[in-house]
C-alpha atoms as a PDB file:
ATOM      1  CA  MET A   1     -17.365  -6.192  -5.838  1.00  0.00           C
ATOM      2  CA  PRO A   2     -14.919  -8.766  -7.242  1.00  0.00           C
ATOM      3  CA  TYR A   3     -11.408  -9.421  -5.985  1.00  0.00           C
ATOM      4  CA  TRP A   4      -8.513 -10.330  -8.273  1.00  0.00           C
ATOM      5  CA  LYS A   5      -4.740 -10.279  -8.397  1.00  0.00           C
ATOM      6  CA  LEU A   6      -2.747  -7.568 -10.157  1.00  0.00           C
ATOM      7  CA  ASP A   7      -0.954  -8.299 -13.411  1.00  0.00           C
ATOM      8  CA  PRO A   8       2.467  -9.967 -13.035  1.00  0.00           C
ATOM      9  CA  VAL A   9       5.286  -7.580 -12.095  1.00  0.00           C
ATOM     10  CA  ASP A  10       6.944  -7.856 -15.529  1.00  0.00           C
ATOM     11  CA  ALA A  11       3.673  -6.724 -17.159  1.00  0.00           C
ATOM     12  CA  SER A  12       3.014  -3.962 -14.628  1.00  0.00           C
ATOM     13  CA  PRO A  13       6.236  -3.066 -12.765  1.00  0.00           C
ATOM     14  CA  GLN A  14       4.938   0.163 -11.212  1.00  0.00           C
ATOM     15  CA  THR A  15       1.752   1.098  -9.389  1.00  0.00           C
ATOM     16  CA  LEU A  16       0.543   4.572  -8.454  1.00  0.00           C
ATOM     17  CA  LEU A  17      -1.660   4.655  -5.355  1.00  0.00           C
ATOM     18  CA  THR A  18      -3.895   7.414  -4.044  1.00  0.00           C
ATOM     19  CA  GLY A  19      -6.050   7.137  -0.948  1.00  0.00           C
ATOM     20  CA  TRP A  20      -3.181   5.165   0.504  1.00  0.00           C
ATOM     21  CA  SER A  21      -1.998   3.836   3.842  1.00  0.00           C
ATOM     22  CA  ILE A  22       0.841   1.692   5.118  1.00  0.00           C
ATOM     23  CA  ARG A  23      -0.268  -1.116   7.391  1.00  0.00           C
ATOM     24  CA  ARG A  24       1.716  -3.248   9.822  1.00  0.00           C
ATOM     25  CA  THR A  25       0.168  -6.675  10.355  1.00  0.00           C
ATOM     26  CA  ASP A  26       0.241  -8.703  13.553  1.00  0.00           C
ATOM     27  CA  SER A  27       3.160 -10.658  12.041  1.00  0.00           C
ATOM     28  CA  GLY A  28       5.138  -7.414  11.578  1.00  0.00           C
ATOM     29  CA  SER A  29       4.986  -7.188   7.786  1.00  0.00           C
ATOM     30  CA  LEU A  30       4.308  -3.804   6.174  1.00  0.00           C
ATOM     31  CA  HIS A  31       2.005  -3.381   3.157  1.00  0.00           C
ATOM     32  CA  PHE A  32       0.865  -0.551   0.919  1.00  0.00           C
ATOM     33  CA  VAL A  33      -2.927  -0.277   0.759  1.00  0.00           C
ATOM     34  CA  GLY A  34      -4.602   2.181  -1.582  1.00  0.00           C
ATOM     35  CA  TYR A  35      -6.503   2.974  -4.738  1.00  0.00           C
ATOM     36  CA  CYS A  36      -4.688   2.195  -8.000  1.00  0.00           C
ATOM     37  CA  LEU A  37      -5.497   4.917 -10.533  1.00  0.00           C
ATOM     38  CA  VAL A  38      -4.529   2.865 -13.598  1.00  0.00           C
ATOM     39  CA  GLU A  39      -6.453  -0.276 -12.683  1.00  0.00           C
ATOM     40  CA  ARG A  40      -9.265   1.719 -11.008  1.00  0.00           C
ATOM     41  CA  CYS A  41      -9.430  -0.574  -8.009  1.00  0.00           C
ATOM     42  CA  GLY A  42      -8.265  -1.065  -4.456  1.00  0.00           C
ATOM     43  CA  SER A  43      -4.855  -2.663  -4.010  1.00  0.00           C
ATOM     44  CA  VAL A  44      -2.800  -4.387  -1.311  1.00  0.00           C
ATOM     45  CA  SER A  45       0.901  -4.913  -1.932  1.00  0.00           C
ATOM     46  CA  SER A  46       3.111  -7.799  -1.000  1.00  0.00           C
ATOM     47  CA  MET A  47       5.467  -7.096   1.907  1.00  0.00           C
ATOM     48  CA  ILE A  48       7.362  -3.798   1.652  1.00  0.00           C
ATOM     49  CA  GLU A  49      11.102  -4.405   1.267  1.00  0.00           C
ATOM     50  CA  GLU A  50      12.299  -0.795   0.758  1.00  0.00           C
ATOM     51  CA  PHE A  51      10.607   2.569   1.267  1.00  0.00           C
ATOM     52  CA  ASP A  52      11.792   6.141   0.802  1.00  0.00           C
ATOM     53  CA  PRO A  53       9.449   8.387   2.808  1.00  0.00           C
ATOM     54  CA  THR A  54      10.800  11.505   1.096  1.00  0.00           C
ATOM     55  CA  SER A  55       9.932  10.412  -2.456  1.00  0.00           C
ATOM     56  CA  LEU A  56       6.983   8.253  -1.311  1.00  0.00           C
ATOM     57  CA  ARG A  57       8.278   5.345  -3.364  1.00  0.00           C
ATOM     58  CA  GLY A  58       8.811   1.787  -2.267  1.00  0.00           C
ATOM     59  CA  VAL A  59       9.640  -1.670  -3.545  1.00  0.00           C
ATOM     60  CA  THR A  60       7.776  -4.745  -2.392  1.00  0.00           C
ATOM     61  CA  HIS A  61       8.746  -8.395  -2.097  1.00  0.00           C
ATOM     62  CA  SER A  62       7.317  -9.038  -5.565  1.00  0.00           C
ATOM     63  CA  GLY A  63       9.663  -6.409  -7.018  1.00  0.00           C
ATOM     64  CA  ARG A  64       6.867  -4.009  -7.908  1.00  0.00           C
ATOM     65  CA  VAL A  65       7.568  -0.297  -7.348  1.00  0.00           C
ATOM     66  CA  TYR A  66       4.801   1.625  -5.613  1.00  0.00           C
ATOM     67  CA  GLU A  67       4.487   5.391  -5.790  1.00  0.00           C
ATOM     68  CA  LEU A  68       2.173   7.053  -3.281  1.00  0.00           C
ATOM     69  CA  SER A  69       0.323  10.191  -4.328  1.00  0.00           C
ATOM     70  CA  GLY A  70      -1.036  12.774  -1.920  1.00  0.00           C
ATOM     71  CA  PRO A  71      -1.444  12.406   1.814  1.00  0.00           C
ATOM     72  CA  PRO A  72      -2.423   9.142   3.506  1.00  0.00           C
ATOM     73  CA  ARG A  73      -6.202   8.802   3.628  1.00  0.00           C
ATOM     74  CA  ALA A  74      -8.937   6.194   3.532  1.00  0.00           C
ATOM     75  CA  ASN A  75     -10.442   4.767   0.346  1.00  0.00           C
ATOM     76  CA  ASP A  76     -13.495   2.493   0.306  1.00  0.00           C
ATOM     77  CA  ASP A  77     -12.212   0.280  -2.544  1.00  0.00           C
ATOM     78  CA  ALA A  78      -8.852  -0.159  -0.806  1.00  0.00           C
ATOM     79  CA  GLU A  79     -10.596  -1.058   2.468  1.00  0.00           C
ATOM     80  CA  TYR A  80     -12.700  -3.666   0.690  1.00  0.00           C
ATOM     81  CA  VAL A  81      -9.624  -5.332  -0.836  1.00  0.00           C
ATOM     82  CA  TRP A  82      -7.675  -5.045   2.448  1.00  0.00           C
ATOM     83  CA  ASN A  83     -10.443  -6.863   4.359  1.00  0.00           C
ATOM     84  CA  ILE A  84     -10.476  -9.742   1.870  1.00  0.00           C
ATOM     85  CA  TRP A  85      -6.658  -9.891   1.754  1.00  0.00           C
ATOM     86  CA  ALA A  86      -6.360  -9.813   5.551  1.00  0.00           C
ATOM     87  CA  ASN A  87      -8.926 -12.590   5.917  1.00  0.00           C
ATOM     88  CA  ARG A  88      -7.201 -14.790   3.301  1.00  0.00           C
ATOM     89  CA  ASN A  89      -3.805 -14.207   4.935  1.00  0.00           C
ATOM     90  CA  ASP A  90      -4.935 -14.820   8.537  1.00  0.00           C
ATOM     91  CA  VAL A  91      -4.257 -11.246   9.652  1.00  0.00           C
ATOM     92  CA  THR A  92      -6.078 -10.875  12.956  1.00  0.00           C
ATOM     93  CA  SER A  93      -4.883  -7.366  13.811  1.00  0.00           C
ATOM     94  CA  TRP A  94      -3.062  -4.517  12.143  1.00  0.00           C
ATOM     95  CA  GLU A  95      -2.171  -0.872  12.609  1.00  0.00           C
ATOM     96  CA  GLU A  96      -1.937   2.094  10.257  1.00  0.00           C
ATOM     97  CA  VAL A  97       1.651   3.408  10.293  1.00  0.00           C
ATOM     98  CA  GLY A  98       1.822   5.502   7.112  1.00  0.00           C
ATOM     99  CA  ALA A  99       1.296   8.873   8.757  1.00  0.00           C
ATOM    100  CA  GLU A 100       3.945   8.236  11.408  1.00  0.00           C
ATOM    101  CA  VAL A 101       6.450   7.004   8.821  1.00  0.00           C
ATOM    102  CA  VAL A 102       5.901   9.853   6.355  1.00  0.00           C
ATOM    103  CA  ALA A 103       5.051  12.866   8.586  1.00  0.00           C
ATOM    104  CA  PRO A 104       8.577  13.593   9.908  1.00  0.00           C
ATOM    105  CA  HIS A 105       9.932  13.685   6.343  1.00  0.00           C
ATOM    106  CA  LEU A 106       7.142  15.930   5.066  1.00  0.00           C
ATOM    107  CA  GLU A 107       7.642  18.361   7.965  1.00  0.00           C
ATOM    108  CA  ALA A 108      11.379  18.524   7.238  1.00  0.00           C
ATOM    109  CA  THR A 109      10.703  19.701   3.668  1.00  0.00           C
ATOM    110  CA  MET A 110       8.321  22.484   4.699  1.00  0.00           C
END
């Protein structure tokens, strides 16, 4: 499976992810990881700058707006891209933090 970069932010300012997670790297940066419905591929964002856990929308360092759809869950394409991205960016360890970030806000709306 190939690996390529997303279109520039001005050409594609928003991305909708399903099968998503939020990952904290060993350096402390947070990234959206998921399956992009429009591009039909796995995706890893640049560092998250802002995130609203109620609306499930966030803005990354690149300026792209990510919208997360559905609950956090695994996606094979996203895992493939994450593994390549992590290797290229010298990420030696990481943790999934999406459920802990989003869960309290989802419970409050129920």
